[in-house]
Amino acid sequence: MAGRAAARWRARVAGVDPYVLDGLLAAASAAVSLWSVYQDVTARPWWVYLLALGTALPLPWRRRAPVTVMAVSGAVSAVLSVVAHSAMPQLPLFVVVTLYTVAERARDWQRWGVLAVTVTANVVGTHSPNGALFSLLTTVGAFVFGCLVRELRRLAAVEAERAREAGRRAASDAARAVAEERARIAREMHDILAHAVALMVIQAEAGPLVVRGDPDRAVKAFDTIADSGRDAMAQLRRLLGVLKEEGSGPELAPQPRLAELPALAERVRRTGVRVELEVDERAGPLPADVEAAGYRIVQEALTNTVKHAEASRISVRVVREGAELAVLVSDDGRGVRRRQGGAAFAGSGLSGGRGLVGIRERAAACGGRAEAGPGPRGRGFLVSARLPLGTERRVAS
């Protein structure tokens, strides 16, 4: 209860104009000084009251110019002390306020200079040891309190900056996560659509040529088109399900696995390309991300071969070699096409089409590596990937 009341009080004070608060402080200080003059044993003329009032008048500007305000108040106070020392208040509120403000807001050299001057003035200007001790306790206490508040404000500013930095990092991490998710979805959609559309286009182009001379082959071509379309729709439904609004009950299917490679190879065979598939039985079961990456790498390599290689045979090997899954896809097509002025593939890295970049990204996401280039003795094209199977994966740079 007390904590809530204090919090409400601080909130109310924080919402008040600083000049209003400092004006109230000035009024309180003026009242103390005027009362001290009024209670003096010696009747004082009007201008002594004016001097007492002058010690408090600068206080409303203490936050803006703390050293100047203290100098003005101190000068007026010095005059009052000379002409009417006994009329000085026992606890000069304006001294406490201005010293606190200087300690809290002024520069370091100003703070310590003011403290030195104040201590000297207390020792020299006070007529008794007890009075000097009381003045020192009052002024030094106000200065120390101001230093403590200054340090607390500095620590609060440091914590606020840390909180802002943490917020910026969180926002950056969220943006990076969104970008990574968008890249993943784009890669998935590319793999799904590129493969399905490539098979559908090839079969559709062959259909008119065989529909009269070989009706059975034409029927198979149309069946392949339908199967590819249905498979693409099912995978897209799974992928887009994660983008639905929360609570809509997305229909999620499992990620593709190596066990589905025979069906993938069969769809490619329907295009007229001979596919030799070897899947090591020791390869499974494997981590889900490794199986999905292996399937997508084979799918993309087959898609590229069907679209670009003009190959008659494709060899697919998925075998377990030690702590790695080795994926090898080779063909007997026309191999690497050269661009003017250079090679289509630089070194062992993957470049060129988006699909080959996707192969590298999928392998890297599992901590593995992938390469693409001419096949053995420069014939055909070879895509190879190695995906680690251990619990500790290498983090790809």
Protein backbone atom coordinates (compact mmCIF):
# COMPACT_ATOMS: atom_id res chain seq x y z
CA MET A 1 0.00 0.00 0.00
CA ALA A 2 2.78 2.42 0.97
CA GLY A 3 4.73 1.53 -2.19
CA ARG A 4 1.72 2.24 -4.41
CA ALA A 5 1.08 5.53 -2.63
CA ALA A 6 4.73 6.56 -3.10
CA ALA A 7 4.57 5.63 -6.78
CA ARG A 8 1.42 7.70 -7.26
CA TRP A 9 3.05 10.63 -5.48
CA ARG A 10 6.17 10.43 -7.67
CA ALA A 11 4.00 10.28 -10.78
CA ARG A 12 2.10 13.39 -9.69
CA VAL A 13 5.29 15.27 -8.87
CA ALA A 14 6.86 14.24 -12.19
CA GLY A 15 3.88 15.70 -14.02
CA VAL A 16 4.22 19.14 -12.40
CA ASP A 17 6.06 21.95 -14.18
CA PRO A 18 9.62 22.19 -12.71
CA TYR A 19 9.27 25.99 -12.46
CA VAL A 20 6.22 25.52 -10.25
CA LEU A 21 8.11 23.20 -7.89
CA ASP A 22 11.12 25.48 -7.79
CA GLY A 23 8.83 28.47 -7.25
CA LEU A 24 7.39 26.72 -4.19
CA LEU A 25 10.94 26.04 -2.96
CA ALA A 26 11.78 29.70 -3.45
CA ALA A 27 8.67 30.72 -1.51
CA ALA A 28 9.56 28.38 1.36
CA SER A 29 13.15 29.63 1.44
CA ALA A 30 11.98 33.25 1.37
CA ALA A 31 9.57 32.56 4.22
CA VAL A 32 12.35 31.04 6.35
CA SER A 33 14.70 33.97 5.68
CA LEU A 34 12.04 36.64 6.27
CA TRP A 35 10.90 34.97 9.47
CA SER A 36 14.49 34.87 10.72
CA VAL A 37 14.82 38.63 10.09
CA TYR A 38 11.48 39.29 11.78
CA GLN A 39 12.52 37.24 14.86
CA ASP A 40 15.88 38.97 15.22
CA VAL A 41 16.41 40.74 18.51
CA THR A 42 17.35 43.90 16.62
CA ALA A 43 14.72 45.67 14.60
CA ARG A 44 15.86 45.67 11.01
CA PRO A 45 15.07 48.22 8.27
CA TRP A 46 13.08 47.32 5.18
CA TRP A 47 16.09 46.79 2.95
CA VAL A 48 17.29 43.91 5.22
CA TYR A 49 14.00 42.18 4.49
CA LEU A 50 14.66 42.85 0.83
CA LEU A 51 18.09 41.20 1.14
CA ALA A 52 16.53 38.18 2.88
CA LEU A 53 14.01 37.95 0.06
CA GLY A 54 16.80 38.27 -2.52
CA THR A 55 18.49 35.10 -1.29
CA ALA A 56 15.51 33.06 -2.52
CA LEU A 57 14.49 34.90 -5.70
CA PRO A 58 16.93 33.12 -8.09
CA LEU A 59 15.82 29.61 -7.04
CA PRO A 60 13.22 29.07 -9.82
CA TRP A 61 16.12 29.04 -12.33
CA ARG A 62 18.34 26.65 -10.37
CA ARG A 63 17.99 23.74 -12.83
CA ARG A 64 18.95 25.83 -15.84
CA ALA A 65 21.97 27.63 -14.33
CA PRO A 66 22.86 26.04 -10.98
CA VAL A 67 26.25 27.73 -10.49
CA THR A 68 24.92 31.18 -11.47
CA VAL A 69 21.92 30.84 -9.15
CA MET A 70 24.16 29.80 -6.27
CA ALA A 71 26.57 32.69 -6.96
CA VAL A 72 23.74 35.26 -6.93
CA SER A 73 22.11 33.81 -3.81
CA GLY A 74 25.51 33.51 -2.13
CA ALA A 75 26.42 37.10 -2.94
CA VAL A 76 23.15 38.43 -1.49
CA SER A 77 23.59 36.14 1.53
CA ALA A 78 27.13 37.44 2.08
CA VAL A 79 25.88 41.01 2.14
CA LEU A 80 23.09 40.01 4.56
CA SER A 81 25.60 38.24 6.80
CA VAL A 82 27.83 41.31 6.94
CA VAL A 83 25.12 43.87 7.70
CA ALA A 84 22.85 41.65 9.86
CA HIS A 85 24.59 38.45 10.83
CA SER A 86 22.20 37.68 13.64
CA ALA A 87 19.29 37.84 11.16
CA MET A 88 20.65 34.92 9.16
CA PRO A 89 18.47 31.78 9.51
CA GLN A 90 19.91 28.83 11.41
CA LEU A 91 19.06 26.57 8.48
CA PRO A 92 19.35 28.62 5.27
CA LEU A 93 17.12 26.66 2.91
CA PHE A 94 18.45 28.46 -0.17
CA VAL A 95 21.99 27.24 0.62
CA VAL A 96 20.84 23.63 0.93
CA VAL A 97 18.85 23.80 -2.32
CA THR A 98 21.56 25.52 -4.39
CA LEU A 99 24.35 23.26 -3.12
CA TYR A 100 22.26 20.17 -3.84
CA THR A 101 21.53 21.45 -7.34
CA VAL A 102 25.18 22.22 -8.08
CA ALA A 103 26.25 18.77 -6.86
CA GLU A 104 23.60 17.11 -8.99
CA ARG A 105 23.76 19.10 -12.23
CA ALA A 106 26.97 21.12 -12.57
CA ARG A 107 30.22 20.01 -14.23
CA ASP A 108 32.81 18.25 -12.10
CA TRP A 109 35.24 21.17 -11.87
CA GLN A 110 32.38 23.50 -10.94
CA ARG A 111 31.06 21.14 -8.30
CA TRP A 112 34.34 20.68 -6.49
CA GLY A 113 35.22 24.35 -6.79
CA VAL A 114 31.89 25.34 -5.24
CA LEU A 115 32.39 22.82 -2.45
CA ALA A 116 35.83 24.21 -1.64
CA VAL A 117 34.54 27.80 -1.58
CA THR A 118 31.54 26.80 0.56
CA VAL A 119 33.62 24.94 3.15
CA THR A 120 36.06 27.87 3.39
CA ALA A 121 33.21 30.34 3.80
CA ASN A 122 31.62 28.22 6.54
CA VAL A 123 34.85 28.00 8.51
CA VAL A 124 35.86 31.65 8.07
CA GLY A 125 32.44 33.29 8.15
CA THR A 126 30.97 31.53 11.18
CA HIS A 127 31.60 33.16 14.59
CA SER A 128 31.66 29.97 16.69
CA PRO A 129 33.03 26.43 16.34
CA ASN A 130 29.58 24.96 16.95
CA GLY A 131 28.10 27.20 14.29
CA ALA A 132 30.88 26.26 11.86
CA LEU A 133 30.32 22.54 12.52
CA PHE A 134 26.56 22.87 12.01
CA SER A 135 27.07 24.81 8.80
CA LEU A 136 29.55 22.24 7.49
CA LEU A 137 27.19 19.37 8.27
CA THR A 138 24.36 21.17 6.51
CA THR A 139 26.26 22.20 3.39
CA VAL A 140 28.39 19.07 2.98
CA GLY A 141 25.33 16.90 3.64
CA ALA A 142 23.39 18.71 0.89
CA PHE A 143 26.35 18.34 -1.47
CA VAL A 144 26.73 14.60 -0.73
CA PHE A 145 23.01 14.06 -1.23
CA GLY A 146 23.21 15.83 -4.58
CA CYS A 147 26.13 13.60 -5.60
CA LEU A 148 24.15 10.50 -4.68
CA VAL A 149 21.16 11.64 -6.74
CA ARG A 150 23.51 12.45 -9.64
CA GLU A 151 24.95 8.93 -9.52
CA LEU A 152 21.50 7.37 -9.30
CA ARG A 153 20.43 9.35 -12.37
CA ARG A 154 23.55 8.21 -14.21
CA LEU A 155 22.87 4.58 -13.34
CA ALA A 156 19.25 4.97 -14.39
CA ALA A 157 20.39 6.44 -17.73
CA VAL A 158 22.81 3.51 -18.20
CA GLU A 159 20.03 1.02 -17.47
CA ALA A 160 17.68 2.84 -19.83
CA GLU A 161 20.31 2.73 -22.59
CA ARG A 162 20.83 -0.96 -21.94
CA ALA A 163 17.08 -1.50 -22.18
CA ARG A 164 16.97 0.44 -25.46
CA GLU A 165 19.92 -1.55 -26.79
CA ALA A 166 18.20 -4.78 -25.76
CA GLY A 167 15.07 -3.57 -27.55
CA ARG A 168 17.08 -2.77 -30.67
CA ARG A 169 18.73 -6.18 -30.54
CA ALA A 170 15.35 -7.85 -30.08
CA ALA A 171 13.95 -5.90 -33.03
CA SER A 172 17.00 -6.81 -35.12
CA ASP A 173 16.69 -10.48 -34.16
CA ALA A 174 12.99 -10.41 -35.01
CA ALA A 175 13.70 -8.78 -38.38
CA ARG A 176 16.43 -11.33 -39.08
CA ALA A 177 14.09 -14.16 -38.11
CA VAL A 178 11.43 -12.78 -40.45
CA ALA A 179 13.97 -12.50 -43.27
CA GLU A 180 15.18 -16.04 -42.66
CA GLU A 181 11.62 -17.33 -42.62
CA ARG A 182 10.81 -15.51 -45.83
CA ALA A 183 13.93 -16.99 -47.43
CA ARG A 184 12.95 -20.46 -46.21
CA ILE A 185 9.42 -20.11 -47.61
CA ALA A 186 10.79 -18.79 -50.90
CA ARG A 187 13.21 -21.71 -51.10
CA GLU A 188 10.43 -24.21 -50.34
CA MET A 189 8.10 -22.69 -52.93
CA HIS A 190 10.88 -22.66 -55.52
CA ASP A 191 11.65 -26.33 -54.91
CA ILE A 192 8.00 -27.33 -55.05
CA LEU A 193 6.93 -25.25 -58.03
CA ALA A 194 10.11 -25.58 -60.09
CA HIS A 195 10.03 -29.35 -59.94
CA ALA A 196 6.31 -29.71 -60.57
CA VAL A 197 6.15 -27.11 -63.32
CA ALA A 198 9.23 -28.52 -65.08
CA LEU A 199 7.69 -31.99 -65.24
CA MET A 200 4.30 -30.61 -66.30
CA VAL A 201 5.81 -28.47 -69.08
CA ILE A 202 7.89 -31.32 -70.48
CA GLN A 203 4.95 -33.72 -70.46
CA ALA A 204 2.61 -31.08 -71.93
CA GLU A 205 5.06 -30.40 -74.76
CA ALA A 206 5.37 -34.11 -75.51
CA GLY A 207 1.61 -34.74 -75.36
CA PRO A 208 0.62 -33.30 -78.76
CA LEU A 209 3.40 -35.29 -80.45
CA VAL A 210 2.27 -38.68 -79.15
CA VAL A 211 -1.47 -38.23 -78.72
CA ARG A 212 -2.19 -39.64 -82.23
CA GLY A 213 0.68 -42.05 -82.74
CA ASP A 214 1.00 -43.46 -79.19
CA PRO A 215 -2.20 -42.87 -77.18
CA ASP A 216 -0.99 -44.93 -74.22
CA ARG A 217 2.10 -42.78 -73.85
CA ALA A 218 -0.05 -39.67 -74.13
CA VAL A 219 -2.27 -40.93 -71.31
CA LYS A 220 0.83 -41.51 -69.15
CA ALA A 221 2.02 -37.99 -69.93
CA PHE A 222 -1.29 -36.52 -68.83
CA ASP A 223 -1.27 -38.72 -65.73
CA THR A 224 2.20 -37.39 -64.89
CA ILE A 225 0.94 -33.82 -65.31
CA ALA A 226 -1.98 -34.52 -62.99
CA ASP A 227 0.20 -36.29 -60.39
CA SER A 228 2.75 -33.47 -60.42
CA GLY A 229 0.01 -30.88 -60.01
CA ARG A 230 -1.63 -32.74 -57.13
CA ASP A 231 1.71 -33.23 -55.38
CA ALA A 232 2.57 -29.55 -55.79
CA MET A 233 -0.85 -28.52 -54.43
CA ALA A 234 -0.47 -30.78 -51.39
CA GLN A 235 2.99 -29.42 -50.59
CA LEU A 236 1.89 -25.81 -51.13
CA ARG A 237 -1.09 -26.40 -48.84
CA ARG A 238 1.29 -27.61 -46.15
CA LEU A 239 3.64 -24.68 -46.69
CA LEU A 240 0.98 -21.99 -46.78
CA GLY A 241 -0.76 -23.48 -43.77
CA VAL A 242 1.86 -21.95 -41.49
CA LEU A 243 0.95 -18.50 -42.84
CA LYS A 244 -2.70 -18.71 -41.82
CA GLU A 245 -4.00 -16.64 -38.96
CA GLU A 246 -3.67 -18.07 -35.48
CA GLY A 247 -6.54 -20.34 -34.53
CA SER A 248 -7.53 -21.17 -38.10
CA GLY A 249 -6.31 -24.74 -37.75
CA PRO A 250 -3.64 -25.00 -40.48
CA GLU A 251 -3.37 -28.33 -42.20
CA LEU A 252 0.24 -29.36 -41.70
CA ALA A 253 1.88 -32.36 -43.36
CA PRO A 254 5.28 -33.78 -42.41
CA GLN A 255 8.44 -32.64 -44.15
CA PRO A 256 9.50 -34.78 -47.14
CA ARG A 257 11.68 -37.76 -46.23
CA LEU A 258 14.11 -39.99 -48.05
CA ALA A 259 11.49 -42.73 -48.20
CA GLU A 260 9.63 -40.60 -50.75
CA LEU A 261 12.54 -40.55 -53.21
CA PRO A 262 11.30 -43.59 -55.20
CA ALA A 263 8.02 -41.79 -55.96
CA LEU A 264 10.00 -38.71 -56.97
CA ALA A 265 12.23 -40.77 -59.26
CA GLU A 266 9.19 -42.43 -60.82
CA ARG A 267 7.65 -39.08 -61.74
CA VAL A 268 10.89 -38.08 -63.44
CA ARG A 269 11.05 -41.42 -65.30
CA ARG A 270 7.71 -40.58 -66.89
CA THR A 271 9.41 -37.74 -68.73
CA GLY A 272 11.49 -40.31 -70.63
CA VAL A 273 14.69 -39.98 -68.59
CA ARG A 274 16.12 -43.15 -67.04
CA VAL A 275 16.65 -42.63 -63.29
CA GLU A 276 18.87 -45.01 -61.33
CA LEU A 277 18.15 -44.61 -57.63
CA GLU A 278 20.24 -46.02 -54.81
CA VAL A 279 19.16 -45.23 -51.26
CA ASP A 280 21.22 -46.84 -48.52
CA GLU A 281 18.92 -48.62 -46.08
CA ARG A 282 21.36 -47.68 -43.32
CA ALA A 283 20.59 -44.03 -44.07
CA GLY A 284 17.37 -44.01 -42.06
CA PRO A 285 15.85 -43.02 -39.83
CA LEU A 286 17.74 -39.74 -39.74
CA PRO A 287 17.13 -36.29 -38.23
CA ALA A 288 14.09 -34.71 -39.88
CA ASP A 289 16.00 -31.68 -41.17
CA VAL A 290 18.64 -33.92 -42.77
CA GLU A 291 16.03 -36.07 -44.49
CA ALA A 292 14.13 -32.99 -45.73
CA ALA A 293 17.35 -31.38 -46.98
CA GLY A 294 18.44 -34.60 -48.71
CA TYR A 295 15.07 -34.96 -50.44
CA ARG A 296 15.01 -31.32 -51.59
CA ILE A 297 18.61 -31.49 -52.87
CA VAL A 298 17.78 -34.55 -54.96
CA GLN A 299 14.55 -32.93 -56.15
CA GLU A 300 16.31 -29.75 -57.25
CA ALA A 301 19.12 -31.65 -58.96
CA LEU A 302 16.58 -33.75 -60.88
CA THR A 303 14.63 -30.64 -61.82
CA ASN A 304 17.74 -28.93 -63.18
CA THR A 305 18.67 -32.02 -65.15
CA VAL A 306 15.22 -32.37 -66.71
CA LYS A 307 15.06 -28.67 -67.58
CA HIS A 308 18.58 -28.00 -68.81
CA ALA A 309 20.81 -31.06 -69.22
CA GLU A 310 19.14 -32.91 -72.12
CA ALA A 311 20.27 -36.10 -70.37
CA SER A 312 19.07 -39.64 -71.00
CA ARG A 313 20.23 -41.06 -67.69
CA ILE A 314 20.40 -39.76 -64.12
CA SER A 315 22.14 -41.54 -61.25
CA VAL A 316 21.04 -40.77 -57.69
CA ARG A 317 22.97 -42.13 -54.70
CA VAL A 318 22.00 -41.39 -51.10
CA VAL A 319 24.31 -43.30 -48.78
CA ARG A 320 25.55 -43.04 -45.26
CA GLU A 321 29.30 -42.58 -44.99
CA GLY A 322 30.44 -42.52 -41.40
CA ALA A 323 28.84 -39.60 -39.61
CA GLU A 324 27.61 -38.00 -42.84
CA LEU A 325 24.87 -38.51 -45.36
CA ALA A 326 26.30 -38.32 -48.88
CA VAL A 327 23.97 -37.20 -51.67
CA LEU A 328 25.26 -37.61 -55.25
CA VAL A 329 23.24 -36.80 -58.38
CA SER A 330 24.95 -37.13 -61.77
CA ASP A 331 23.75 -37.22 -65.36
CA ASP A 332 25.08 -37.84 -68.85
CA GLY A 333 23.81 -34.55 -70.28
CA ARG A 334 25.65 -31.71 -71.93
CA GLY A 335 27.37 -30.64 -68.71
CA VAL A 336 28.41 -27.16 -67.72
CA ARG A 337 27.53 -24.46 -70.21
CA ARG A 338 30.13 -21.75 -70.60
CA ARG A 339 29.32 -18.12 -70.62
CA GLN A 340 31.22 -15.64 -72.71
CA GLY A 341 34.39 -14.70 -70.91
CA GLY A 342 34.23 -17.25 -68.10
CA ALA A 343 32.81 -20.36 -66.52
CA ALA A 344 29.27 -20.71 -65.35
CA PHE A 345 30.50 -22.07 -62.00
CA ALA A 346 33.36 -20.46 -60.11
CA GLY A 347 35.60 -22.87 -58.25
CA SER A 348 33.80 -25.32 -56.03
CA GLY A 349 31.17 -22.88 -54.94
CA LEU A 350 27.65 -22.84 -56.30
CA SER A 351 26.51 -19.95 -58.39
CA GLY A 352 24.22 -19.31 -61.28
CA GLY A 353 20.58 -20.42 -60.91
CA ARG A 354 18.44 -19.95 -57.83
CA GLY A 355 18.00 -23.70 -57.49
CA LEU A 356 21.73 -24.36 -57.13
CA VAL A 357 21.98 -21.59 -54.56
CA GLY A 358 19.10 -23.27 -52.72
CA ILE A 359 21.04 -26.55 -52.67
CA ARG A 360 23.97 -24.83 -51.02
CA GLU A 361 21.70 -23.08 -48.50
CA ARG A 362 19.92 -26.30 -47.58
CA ALA A 363 23.21 -28.12 -47.01
CA ALA A 364 24.59 -25.20 -44.99
CA ALA A 365 21.44 -25.08 -42.84
CA CYS A 366 22.26 -28.62 -41.68
CA GLY A 367 25.91 -27.75 -41.09
CA GLY A 368 26.98 -29.48 -44.29
CA ARG A 369 28.34 -28.48 -47.66
CA ALA A 370 27.40 -28.89 -51.32
CA GLU A 371 29.23 -28.65 -54.61
CA ALA A 372 28.19 -28.68 -58.25
CA GLY A 373 30.15 -28.89 -61.45
CA PRO A 374 31.22 -31.12 -64.34
CA GLY A 375 30.92 -34.85 -63.86
CA PRO A 376 33.76 -37.40 -64.07
CA ARG A 377 36.11 -36.70 -66.96
CA GLY A 378 34.16 -33.55 -67.71
CA ARG A 379 31.05 -35.41 -68.83
CA GLY A 380 27.57 -34.50 -67.66
CA PHE A 381 26.92 -32.67 -64.45
CA LEU A 382 27.40 -33.67 -60.81
CA VAL A 383 25.76 -32.35 -57.66
CA SER A 384 27.20 -33.63 -54.40
CA ALA A 385 26.29 -32.78 -50.82
CA ARG A 386 27.43 -34.01 -47.45
CA LEU A 387 25.14 -33.57 -44.46
CA PRO A 388 26.45 -34.33 -40.93
CA LEU A 389 24.33 -36.70 -38.86
CA GLY A 390 25.82 -36.07 -35.41
CA THR A 391 24.06 -34.10 -32.68
CA GLU A 392 26.76 -31.43 -32.88
CA ARG A 393 26.52 -29.74 -36.27
CA ARG A 394 28.99 -27.33 -37.73
CA VAL A 395 27.64 -23.81 -37.91
CA ALA A 396 27.96 -22.65 -41.50
CA SER A 397 29.54 -19.27 -41.94
